[in-house]
Amino acid sequence: MVDYYRLLTDAVAGLGDQNTADRRRDLFDRGRALIAERFGTADTRARAEITAFEKACVQVETQCVSTKAEALSAVPAARISQETGAGNDTKPLKYRAFLSYSHADTEVVPVV
């Protein structure tokens, strides 16, 4: 069986600055199409390949989301205050960072 996790992490790394939830979703969709083309969808092997691919998609997407969240939590307080206009905000730094972060490109979508 193919190591889909390694293939997907390499492909996602190749997205560079274009690494967004939408771009990853497109990448995963292309992978699904290739697997269906190569193995079909009816037999046991095809189902095993599809399951392995879907598991790898979830792992990679989860890793991307947590990596972005970790990077965001490392942003200095002054920068967050400047970017969000939250200079006098009494919320903790981590919460302010969470509020200023766009959830649009960190969405984890279960794949079926």
C-alpha atoms as a PDB file:
ATOM      1  CA  MET A   1       0.000   0.000   0.000  1.00  0.00           C
ATOM      2  CA  VAL A   2       1.141   3.514  -0.779  1.00  0.00           C
ATOM      3  CA  ASP A   3       2.320   5.809   2.039  1.00  0.00           C
ATOM      4  CA  TYR A   4      -0.282   8.478   1.373  1.00  0.00           C
ATOM      5  CA  TYR A   5       0.681  10.521   4.430  1.00  0.00           C
ATOM      6  CA  ARG A   6       4.211  11.060   3.104  1.00  0.00           C
ATOM      7  CA  LEU A   7       2.942  11.860  -0.383  1.00  0.00           C
ATOM      8  CA  LEU A   8       0.405  14.345   0.938  1.00  0.00           C
ATOM      9  CA  THR A   9       2.832  16.071   3.304  1.00  0.00           C
ATOM     10  CA  ASP A  10       5.274  16.513   0.411  1.00  0.00           C
ATOM     11  CA  ALA A  11       2.507  17.833  -1.835  1.00  0.00           C
ATOM     12  CA  VAL A  12       1.232  20.243   0.828  1.00  0.00           C
ATOM     13  CA  ALA A  13       4.768  21.467   1.483  1.00  0.00           C
ATOM     14  CA  GLY A  14       5.010  22.164  -2.247  1.00  0.00           C
ATOM     15  CA  LEU A  15       2.053  24.543  -1.992  1.00  0.00           C
ATOM     16  CA  GLY A  16       4.295  27.066  -0.231  1.00  0.00           C
ATOM     17  CA  ASP A  17       2.499  30.391   0.240  1.00  0.00           C
ATOM     18  CA  GLN A  18      -0.590  28.903  -1.410  1.00  0.00           C
ATOM     19  CA  ASN A  19      -1.107  26.489   1.504  1.00  0.00           C
ATOM     20  CA  THR A  20      -4.727  27.259   2.352  1.00  0.00           C
ATOM     21  CA  ALA A  21      -7.640  25.009   3.273  1.00  0.00           C
ATOM     22  CA  ASP A  22      -9.114  25.456  -0.209  1.00  0.00           C
ATOM     23  CA  ARG A  23      -5.870  24.557  -1.961  1.00  0.00           C
ATOM     24  CA  ARG A  24      -5.403  21.500   0.267  1.00  0.00           C
ATOM     25  CA  ARG A  25      -9.006  20.448  -0.391  1.00  0.00           C
ATOM     26  CA  ASP A  26      -8.333  20.689  -4.147  1.00  0.00           C
ATOM     27  CA  LEU A  27      -5.205  18.618  -3.690  1.00  0.00           C
ATOM     28  CA  PHE A  28      -7.119  15.962  -1.722  1.00  0.00           C
ATOM     29  CA  ASP A  29      -9.866  15.896  -4.365  1.00  0.00           C
ATOM     30  CA  ARG A  30      -7.311  15.331  -7.136  1.00  0.00           C
ATOM     31  CA  GLY A  31      -5.820  12.504  -5.080  1.00  0.00           C
ATOM     32  CA  ARG A  32      -9.244  10.898  -4.647  1.00  0.00           C
ATOM     33  CA  ALA A  33      -9.835  11.080  -8.396  1.00  0.00           C
ATOM     34  CA  LEU A  34      -6.470   9.465  -9.128  1.00  0.00           C
ATOM     35  CA  ILE A  35      -7.110   6.646  -6.656  1.00  0.00           C
ATOM     36  CA  ALA A  36     -10.554   6.004  -8.128  1.00  0.00           C
ATOM     37  CA  GLU A  37      -9.036   5.970 -11.619  1.00  0.00           C
ATOM     38  CA  ARG A  38      -6.239   3.606 -10.614  1.00  0.00           C
ATOM     39  CA  PHE A  39      -8.078   1.202  -8.299  1.00  0.00           C
ATOM     40  CA  GLY A  40     -11.766   1.743  -9.019  1.00  0.00           C
ATOM     41  CA  THR A  41     -14.156   1.779  -6.085  1.00  0.00           C
ATOM     42  CA  ALA A  42     -15.736  -1.655  -5.948  1.00  0.00           C
ATOM     43  CA  ASP A  43     -13.275  -4.238  -4.676  1.00  0.00           C
ATOM     44  CA  THR A  44     -11.618  -4.731  -1.293  1.00  0.00           C
ATOM     45  CA  ARG A  45      -8.257  -3.328  -2.372  1.00  0.00           C
ATOM     46  CA  ALA A  46      -9.882  -0.186  -3.723  1.00  0.00           C
ATOM     47  CA  ARG A  47     -11.749   0.368  -0.449  1.00  0.00           C
ATOM     48  CA  ALA A  48      -8.530  -0.178   1.533  1.00  0.00           C
ATOM     49  CA  GLU A  49      -6.661   2.364  -0.633  1.00  0.00           C
ATOM     50  CA  ILE A  50      -9.478   4.894  -0.319  1.00  0.00           C
ATOM     51  CA  THR A  51      -9.605   4.417   3.462  1.00  0.00           C
ATOM     52  CA  ALA A  52      -5.822   4.841   3.772  1.00  0.00           C
ATOM     53  CA  PHE A  53      -5.932   7.975   1.642  1.00  0.00           C
ATOM     54  CA  GLU A  54      -8.786   9.502   3.645  1.00  0.00           C
ATOM     55  CA  LYS A  55      -6.975   8.786   6.904  1.00  0.00           C
ATOM     56  CA  ALA A  56      -3.862  10.511   5.551  1.00  0.00           C
ATOM     57  CA  CYS A  57      -5.973  13.509   4.436  1.00  0.00           C
ATOM     58  CA  VAL A  58      -7.349  13.924   7.951  1.00  0.00           C
ATOM     59  CA  GLN A  59      -3.860  13.617   9.483  1.00  0.00           C
ATOM     60  CA  VAL A  60      -2.350  16.169   7.117  1.00  0.00           C
ATOM     61  CA  GLU A  61      -5.225  18.641   7.528  1.00  0.00           C
ATOM     62  CA  THR A  62      -5.092  18.307  11.324  1.00  0.00           C
ATOM     63  CA  GLN A  63      -1.341  18.886  11.252  1.00  0.00           C
ATOM     64  CA  CYS A  64      -1.723  21.973   9.053  1.00  0.00           C
ATOM     65  CA  VAL A  65      -4.351  23.480  11.330  1.00  0.00           C
ATOM     66  CA  SER A  66      -2.371  22.820  14.521  1.00  0.00           C
ATOM     67  CA  THR A  67       0.845  24.156  12.960  1.00  0.00           C
ATOM     68  CA  LYS A  68      -0.899  27.406  11.991  1.00  0.00           C
ATOM     69  CA  ALA A  69      -2.418  27.701  15.473  1.00  0.00           C
ATOM     70  CA  GLU A  70       0.999  27.166  17.108  1.00  0.00           C
ATOM     71  CA  ALA A  71       2.587  29.770  14.839  1.00  0.00           C
ATOM     72  CA  LEU A  72      -0.150  32.213  15.688  1.00  0.00           C
ATOM     73  CA  SER A  73       0.237  31.713  19.431  1.00  0.00           C
ATOM     74  CA  ALA A  74       3.921  32.651  19.079  1.00  0.00           C
ATOM     75  CA  VAL A  75       3.114  36.101  17.628  1.00  0.00           C
ATOM     76  CA  PRO A  76       4.278  38.880  19.998  1.00  0.00           C
ATOM     77  CA  ALA A  77       1.552  40.733  21.919  1.00  0.00           C
ATOM     78  CA  ALA A  78       2.468  44.118  20.412  1.00  0.00           C
ATOM     79  CA  ARG A  79       2.026  42.799  16.888  1.00  0.00           C
ATOM     80  CA  ILE A  80      -1.354  41.301  17.732  1.00  0.00           C
ATOM     81  CA  SER A  81      -2.427  44.602  19.284  1.00  0.00           C
ATOM     82  CA  GLN A  82      -1.400  46.478  16.137  1.00  0.00           C
ATOM     83  CA  GLU A  83      -3.081  44.032  13.765  1.00  0.00           C
ATOM     84  CA  THR A  84      -6.331  43.704  15.686  1.00  0.00           C
ATOM     85  CA  GLY A  85      -6.577  47.143  17.254  1.00  0.00           C
ATOM     86  CA  ALA A  86      -6.848  45.362  20.586  1.00  0.00           C
ATOM     87  CA  GLY A  87      -4.333  47.524  22.447  1.00  0.00           C
ATOM     88  CA  ASN A  88      -6.614  48.087  25.427  1.00  0.00           C
ATOM     89  CA  ASP A  89      -8.248  44.690  25.286  1.00  0.00           C
ATOM     90  CA  THR A  90      -8.231  42.862  28.608  1.00  0.00           C
ATOM     91  CA  LYS A  91      -8.549  39.393  27.061  1.00  0.00           C
ATOM     92  CA  PRO A  92      -5.510  37.121  27.445  1.00  0.00           C
ATOM     93  CA  LEU A  93      -2.968  37.191  24.620  1.00  0.00           C
ATOM     94  CA  LYS A  94      -3.788  33.704  23.416  1.00  0.00           C
ATOM     95  CA  TYR A  95      -7.493  34.546  23.185  1.00  0.00           C
ATOM     96  CA  ARG A  96      -6.820  37.790  21.295  1.00  0.00           C
ATOM     97  CA  ALA A  97      -4.623  35.888  18.866  1.00  0.00           C
ATOM     98  CA  PHE A  98      -7.374  33.344  18.365  1.00  0.00           C
ATOM     99  CA  LEU A  99      -9.909  36.062  17.633  1.00  0.00           C
ATOM    100  CA  SER A 100      -7.669  37.775  15.106  1.00  0.00           C
ATOM    101  CA  TYR A 101      -6.946  34.570  13.216  1.00  0.00           C
ATOM    102  CA  SER A 102      -8.967  33.834  10.103  1.00  0.00           C
ATOM    103  CA  HIS A 103     -10.763  30.521  10.402  1.00  0.00           C
ATOM    104  CA  ALA A 104     -11.512  30.457   6.690  1.00  0.00           C
ATOM    105  CA  ASP A 105      -8.283  28.707   5.787  1.00  0.00           C
ATOM    106  CA  THR A 106      -8.014  26.450   8.824  1.00  0.00           C
ATOM    107  CA  GLU A 107     -11.289  24.635   8.459  1.00  0.00           C
ATOM    108  CA  VAL A 108     -11.041  20.891   9.051  1.00  0.00           C
ATOM    109  CA  VAL A 109     -13.530  19.192   6.800  1.00  0.00           C
ATOM    110  CA  PRO A 110     -14.235  15.516   7.385  1.00  0.00           C
ATOM    111  CA  VAL A 111     -13.737  13.593   4.186  1.00  0.00           C
ATOM    112  CA  VAL A 112     -16.204  10.921   3.258  1.00  0.00           C
END
